Amino acid sequence: MLKRIEAYYDAVPRSSARAEEFGPLTLFVREGKGWPFYARPALGHEGEVPVAAVERVRARQRELGVPEAFEWVAETAPGLRAAVEASGLAVHEHPLMLLEGAPLTVPEPAGVTVRMVDADDPGLESAVAAPYAAFGFPPEPGTAERTAARITAGLTRLAAAFDDTEDGTAGGTKGAAALAAGQHQPVGGVSEVVGVGTVPAARRRGLGLAVTAALVADARARGAELVFLSASDADVARLYGRLGFRTVATALIAEPEA
């Protein structure tokens, strides 16, 4: 299962980034505008990683003007943590969670409509913006258009929770604002749920879980046998546990000290 996740992590960035190889490490460099990528272990590398390799990647990231960031799974690349820490980066741990079978049922939040959002949906821009508002910063110009292109290409699936309209029609059809949204990114029989966020004013209503459940159902309907996600911390992991996700490994992110 972890090998399939590793192959997925290597494949997903390649749809919008070029890969630069640094021996045991691969640096993904985004082509065009959008959220910058990171470096990670080269697919199949399981041994030690020299500190010098980490420092070469960091120098290249500085040259490119992108964040000095590394992401990997602790259990599949145990030799990387010591190297990135020796280079001066801070490592953050996140539960890596897997869902086996159908998600558990969660109560439907009152007063909202949770649905998938297509590329020509009038609620697309609001759905794209909601997680950015949840995390405290606006999306870059063109983010909605890039997301629409990825949806059309089958690279991204987007779900959102919208305020119900007064006449009871489906949320978003008359300009209702998205209160929460998230995505899954299918590659073959694997998909990762990413970027689930709820705007601050709508938190503690179960919207994030409802959006995640919709994403999982969509992934399963499209043939994904393995659905996984990374939780930000143990408290969030317990929430995803209500859907049936269980922690199977540890996702690590390394970056400079704040």
Protein backbone atom coordinates (compact mmCIF):
# COMPACT_ATOMS: atom_id res chain seq x y z
CA MET A 1 0.00 0.00 0.00
CA LEU A 2 2.78 2.45 0.88
CA LYS A 3 4.54 1.61 -2.40
CA ARG A 4 1.38 2.55 -4.29
CA ILE A 5 1.21 5.83 -2.38
CA GLU A 6 4.88 6.49 -3.21
CA ALA A 7 4.20 5.91 -6.91
CA TYR A 8 1.22 8.24 -6.65
CA TYR A 9 3.28 10.98 -4.97
CA ASP A 10 5.80 10.74 -7.80
CA ALA A 11 3.14 10.82 -10.52
CA VAL A 12 0.82 13.62 -9.35
CA PRO A 13 3.20 16.61 -9.71
CA ARG A 14 4.28 15.56 -13.19
CA SER A 15 1.00 16.81 -14.71
CA SER A 16 2.02 20.42 -14.00
CA ALA A 17 5.71 20.33 -13.07
CA ARG A 18 9.04 19.21 -14.43
CA ALA A 19 11.21 16.86 -12.41
CA GLU A 20 14.85 17.70 -11.72
CA GLU A 21 16.91 14.80 -10.41
CA PHE A 22 19.50 15.17 -7.64
CA GLY A 23 20.62 11.59 -7.07
CA PRO A 24 18.41 10.24 -4.25
CA LEU A 25 16.10 13.27 -4.44
CA THR A 26 13.67 14.64 -7.03
CA LEU A 27 12.76 18.33 -7.13
CA PHE A 28 9.43 19.15 -8.78
CA VAL A 29 9.36 22.60 -10.36
CA ARG A 30 5.98 23.96 -11.38
CA GLU A 31 5.55 24.88 -15.03
CA GLY A 32 3.64 28.17 -15.13
CA LYS A 33 1.74 29.81 -12.29
CA GLY A 34 0.29 28.08 -9.27
CA TRP A 35 1.22 26.71 -5.88
CA PRO A 36 4.93 25.76 -5.82
CA PHE A 37 5.97 22.15 -5.42
CA TYR A 38 8.67 20.53 -3.26
CA ALA A 39 11.44 17.95 -3.29
CA ARG A 40 10.98 14.35 -2.24
CA PRO A 41 12.88 11.05 -2.38
CA ALA A 42 13.44 9.69 -5.88
CA LEU A 43 10.96 6.92 -6.61
CA GLY A 44 12.40 3.62 -5.41
CA HIS A 45 15.19 5.11 -3.29
CA GLU A 46 15.13 3.57 0.19
CA GLY A 47 18.69 4.11 1.48
CA GLU A 48 20.44 6.94 3.23
CA VAL A 49 20.39 10.45 1.79
CA PRO A 50 23.60 12.53 2.07
CA VAL A 51 23.29 15.97 3.63
CA ALA A 52 25.09 17.29 0.55
CA ALA A 53 22.21 16.13 -1.67
CA VAL A 54 19.73 18.03 0.48
CA GLU A 55 21.90 21.13 0.35
CA ARG A 56 22.17 20.91 -3.46
CA VAL A 57 18.39 20.82 -3.72
CA ARG A 58 18.01 23.73 -1.30
CA ALA A 59 20.48 25.77 -3.34
CA ARG A 60 18.48 25.04 -6.48
CA GLN A 61 15.24 26.03 -4.75
CA ARG A 62 16.78 29.34 -3.69
CA GLU A 63 18.00 29.87 -7.25
CA LEU A 64 14.47 29.29 -8.55
CA GLY A 65 12.90 31.49 -5.86
CA VAL A 66 10.64 28.69 -4.57
CA PRO A 67 10.15 27.47 -0.99
CA GLU A 68 12.87 25.23 0.45
CA ALA A 69 10.42 22.41 1.13
CA PHE A 70 10.68 18.62 1.25
CA GLU A 71 7.80 16.15 1.61
CA TRP A 72 7.98 12.38 2.14
CA VAL A 73 6.64 9.40 4.08
CA ALA A 74 8.71 8.49 7.13
CA GLU A 75 8.25 4.74 6.75
CA THR A 76 9.32 4.57 3.10
CA ALA A 77 12.32 6.94 3.29
CA PRO A 78 13.71 6.66 6.83
CA GLY A 79 17.12 7.95 5.74
CA LEU A 80 15.95 11.42 4.77
CA ARG A 81 14.96 12.95 8.09
CA ALA A 82 18.45 13.02 9.57
CA ALA A 83 19.81 14.67 6.42
CA VAL A 84 17.23 17.46 6.25
CA GLU A 85 17.56 18.16 9.96
CA ALA A 86 21.35 18.27 9.64
CA SER A 87 20.93 20.85 6.88
CA GLY A 88 18.98 23.07 9.28
CA LEU A 89 15.38 22.39 8.28
CA ALA A 90 12.53 21.79 10.73
CA VAL A 91 10.50 18.60 10.26
CA HIS A 92 6.74 18.49 10.92
CA GLU A 93 4.80 15.24 11.36
CA HIS A 94 1.29 14.61 10.01
CA PRO A 95 -0.85 11.46 10.26
CA LEU A 96 -1.12 9.71 6.87
CA MET A 97 -4.56 8.13 6.78
CA LEU A 98 -6.16 5.47 4.58
CA LEU A 99 -9.81 4.65 4.00
CA GLU A 100 -10.66 1.01 3.35
CA GLY A 101 -14.14 0.38 1.99
CA ALA A 102 -16.97 2.89 1.93
CA PRO A 103 -16.87 5.90 4.23
CA LEU A 104 -18.92 5.78 7.40
CA THR A 105 -22.11 7.80 7.37
CA VAL A 106 -21.95 11.27 8.89
CA PRO A 107 -24.94 13.56 9.57
CA GLU A 108 -25.82 15.88 6.72
CA PRO A 109 -25.28 19.50 7.81
CA ALA A 110 -28.46 21.56 7.92
CA GLY A 111 -28.97 24.44 5.54
CA VAL A 112 -26.35 23.49 2.98
CA THR A 113 -26.02 21.53 -0.23
CA VAL A 114 -22.88 19.43 -0.65
CA ARG A 115 -22.08 18.53 -4.25
CA MET A 116 -19.39 18.05 -6.85
CA VAL A 117 -18.43 21.16 -8.81
CA ASP A 118 -17.69 20.89 -12.53
CA ALA A 119 -15.55 23.19 -14.67
CA ASP A 120 -18.55 25.23 -15.93
CA ASP A 121 -20.33 25.37 -12.57
CA PRO A 122 -21.36 28.89 -11.47
CA GLY A 123 -20.13 28.02 -7.99
CA LEU A 124 -16.60 27.15 -9.15
CA GLU A 125 -14.86 30.38 -8.19
CA SER A 126 -16.46 30.42 -4.74
CA ALA A 127 -15.59 26.75 -4.19
CA VAL A 128 -11.96 27.33 -5.17
CA ALA A 129 -11.71 30.35 -2.86
CA ALA A 130 -13.22 28.72 0.26
CA PRO A 131 -10.17 26.68 1.36
CA TYR A 132 -7.91 29.69 0.83
CA ALA A 133 -10.18 31.71 3.13
CA ALA A 134 -10.01 28.82 5.62
CA PHE A 135 -6.22 28.96 5.66
CA GLY A 136 -6.09 32.75 5.82
CA PHE A 137 -4.93 33.99 2.43
CA PRO A 138 -6.49 34.74 -0.98
CA PRO A 139 -5.96 32.56 -4.07
CA GLU A 140 -3.60 33.80 -6.75
CA PRO A 141 -5.23 35.35 -9.83
CA GLY A 142 -6.17 32.62 -12.29
CA THR A 143 -6.50 29.86 -9.69
CA ALA A 144 -10.14 29.19 -10.60
CA GLU A 145 -9.28 28.98 -14.28
CA ARG A 146 -6.40 26.59 -13.63
CA THR A 147 -8.65 24.45 -11.46
CA ALA A 148 -11.29 24.37 -14.19
CA ALA A 149 -8.67 23.19 -16.68
CA ARG A 150 -7.56 20.42 -14.33
CA ILE A 151 -11.18 19.34 -13.79
CA THR A 152 -11.71 19.21 -17.56
CA ALA A 153 -8.53 17.14 -17.95
CA GLY A 154 -9.67 14.70 -15.24
CA LEU A 155 -6.76 15.59 -12.95
CA THR A 156 -8.81 17.16 -10.16
CA ARG A 157 -12.26 16.64 -8.68
CA LEU A 158 -13.80 19.43 -6.58
CA ALA A 159 -16.58 19.24 -3.98
CA ALA A 160 -18.13 22.07 -1.98
CA ALA A 161 -20.78 22.86 0.60
CA PHE A 162 -22.99 25.78 -0.45
CA ASP A 163 -25.56 27.85 1.42
CA ASP A 164 -29.01 26.68 0.42
CA THR A 165 -30.95 29.25 -1.60
CA GLU A 166 -34.23 30.56 -0.29
CA ASP A 167 -36.34 28.68 -2.84
CA GLY A 168 -34.65 25.38 -2.08
CA THR A 169 -32.79 24.96 -5.35
CA ALA A 170 -29.35 23.38 -5.37
CA GLY A 171 -26.76 25.51 -3.59
CA GLY A 172 -24.57 27.61 -5.84
CA THR A 173 -26.90 27.82 -8.83
CA LYS A 174 -27.90 31.37 -7.90
CA GLY A 175 -24.61 32.62 -6.60
CA ALA A 176 -24.67 31.12 -3.10
CA ALA A 177 -21.28 31.23 -1.40
CA ALA A 178 -19.28 28.07 -0.79
CA LEU A 179 -18.76 27.53 2.94
CA ALA A 180 -16.32 24.63 2.60
CA ALA A 181 -14.58 22.82 -0.24
CA GLY A 182 -11.87 20.32 -1.06
CA GLN A 183 -10.43 18.23 -3.86
CA HIS A 184 -9.26 14.76 -4.71
CA GLN A 185 -6.70 14.07 -7.41
CA PRO A 186 -7.10 10.67 -9.10
CA VAL A 187 -4.22 8.81 -10.71
CA GLY A 188 -5.07 5.30 -11.79
CA GLY A 189 -6.68 3.49 -8.89
CA VAL A 190 -5.37 5.90 -6.24
CA SER A 191 -6.60 9.31 -5.13
CA GLU A 192 -5.63 11.72 -2.37
CA VAL A 193 -8.09 14.06 -0.66
CA VAL A 194 -6.42 17.48 -0.39
CA GLY A 195 -7.13 21.07 0.52
CA VAL A 196 -10.31 20.55 2.54
CA GLY A 197 -11.13 23.81 4.31
CA THR A 198 -14.10 25.59 5.87
CA VAL A 199 -14.44 29.37 6.02
CA PRO A 200 -14.05 30.59 9.61
CA ALA A 201 -17.67 31.73 10.02
CA ALA A 202 -19.01 28.26 9.12
CA ARG A 203 -16.79 26.03 11.26
CA ARG A 204 -18.00 23.40 13.76
CA ARG A 205 -20.96 22.43 11.56
CA GLY A 206 -19.49 19.25 10.10
CA LEU A 207 -18.98 20.78 6.67
CA GLY A 208 -15.42 19.55 6.22
CA LEU A 209 -16.43 15.96 6.93
CA ALA A 210 -19.42 16.25 4.60
CA VAL A 211 -17.19 17.56 1.80
CA THR A 212 -14.66 14.79 2.44
CA ALA A 213 -17.41 12.16 2.31
CA ALA A 214 -18.55 13.55 -1.06
CA LEU A 215 -14.99 13.44 -2.38
CA VAL A 216 -14.52 9.84 -1.23
CA ALA A 217 -17.82 8.78 -2.80
CA ASP A 218 -16.79 10.42 -6.07
CA ALA A 219 -13.35 8.80 -5.98
CA ARG A 220 -14.85 5.36 -5.37
CA ALA A 221 -17.39 5.89 -8.18
CA ARG A 222 -14.50 6.69 -10.52
CA GLY A 223 -12.60 3.53 -9.68
CA ALA A 224 -10.21 4.59 -6.92
CA GLU A 225 -9.46 1.56 -4.76
CA LEU A 226 -7.04 3.42 -2.49
CA VAL A 227 -8.15 6.76 -1.02
CA PHE A 228 -5.90 8.53 1.45
CA LEU A 229 -5.15 11.91 3.01
CA SER A 230 -2.77 13.65 5.40
CA ALA A 231 -4.27 15.22 8.52
CA SER A 232 -2.73 18.38 9.93
CA ASP A 233 -2.55 16.96 13.45
CA ALA A 234 -3.94 14.31 15.79
CA ASP A 235 -7.13 16.27 16.53
CA VAL A 236 -7.96 16.54 12.84
CA ALA A 237 -7.06 12.85 12.40
CA ARG A 238 -9.70 11.97 14.97
CA LEU A 239 -12.28 13.87 12.92
CA TYR A 240 -11.36 11.94 9.77
CA GLY A 241 -11.57 8.78 11.85
CA ARG A 242 -15.32 9.42 12.04
CA LEU A 243 -15.41 8.69 8.30
CA GLY A 244 -13.44 5.48 8.69
CA PHE A 245 -9.95 6.74 7.87
CA ARG A 246 -7.17 5.14 9.91
CA THR A 247 -3.57 6.23 10.38
CA VAL A 248 -1.15 3.96 8.52
CA ALA A 249 2.05 6.04 8.36
CA THR A 250 3.52 9.48 8.99
CA ALA A 251 3.77 12.19 6.36
CA LEU A 252 6.72 14.52 6.92
CA ILE A 253 7.21 18.09 5.73
CA ALA A 254 10.55 19.86 6.13
CA GLU A 255 11.01 23.58 5.78
CA PRO A 256 13.11 26.38 7.28
CA GLU A 257 12.36 27.38 10.86
CA ALA A 258 9.78 30.16 11.00
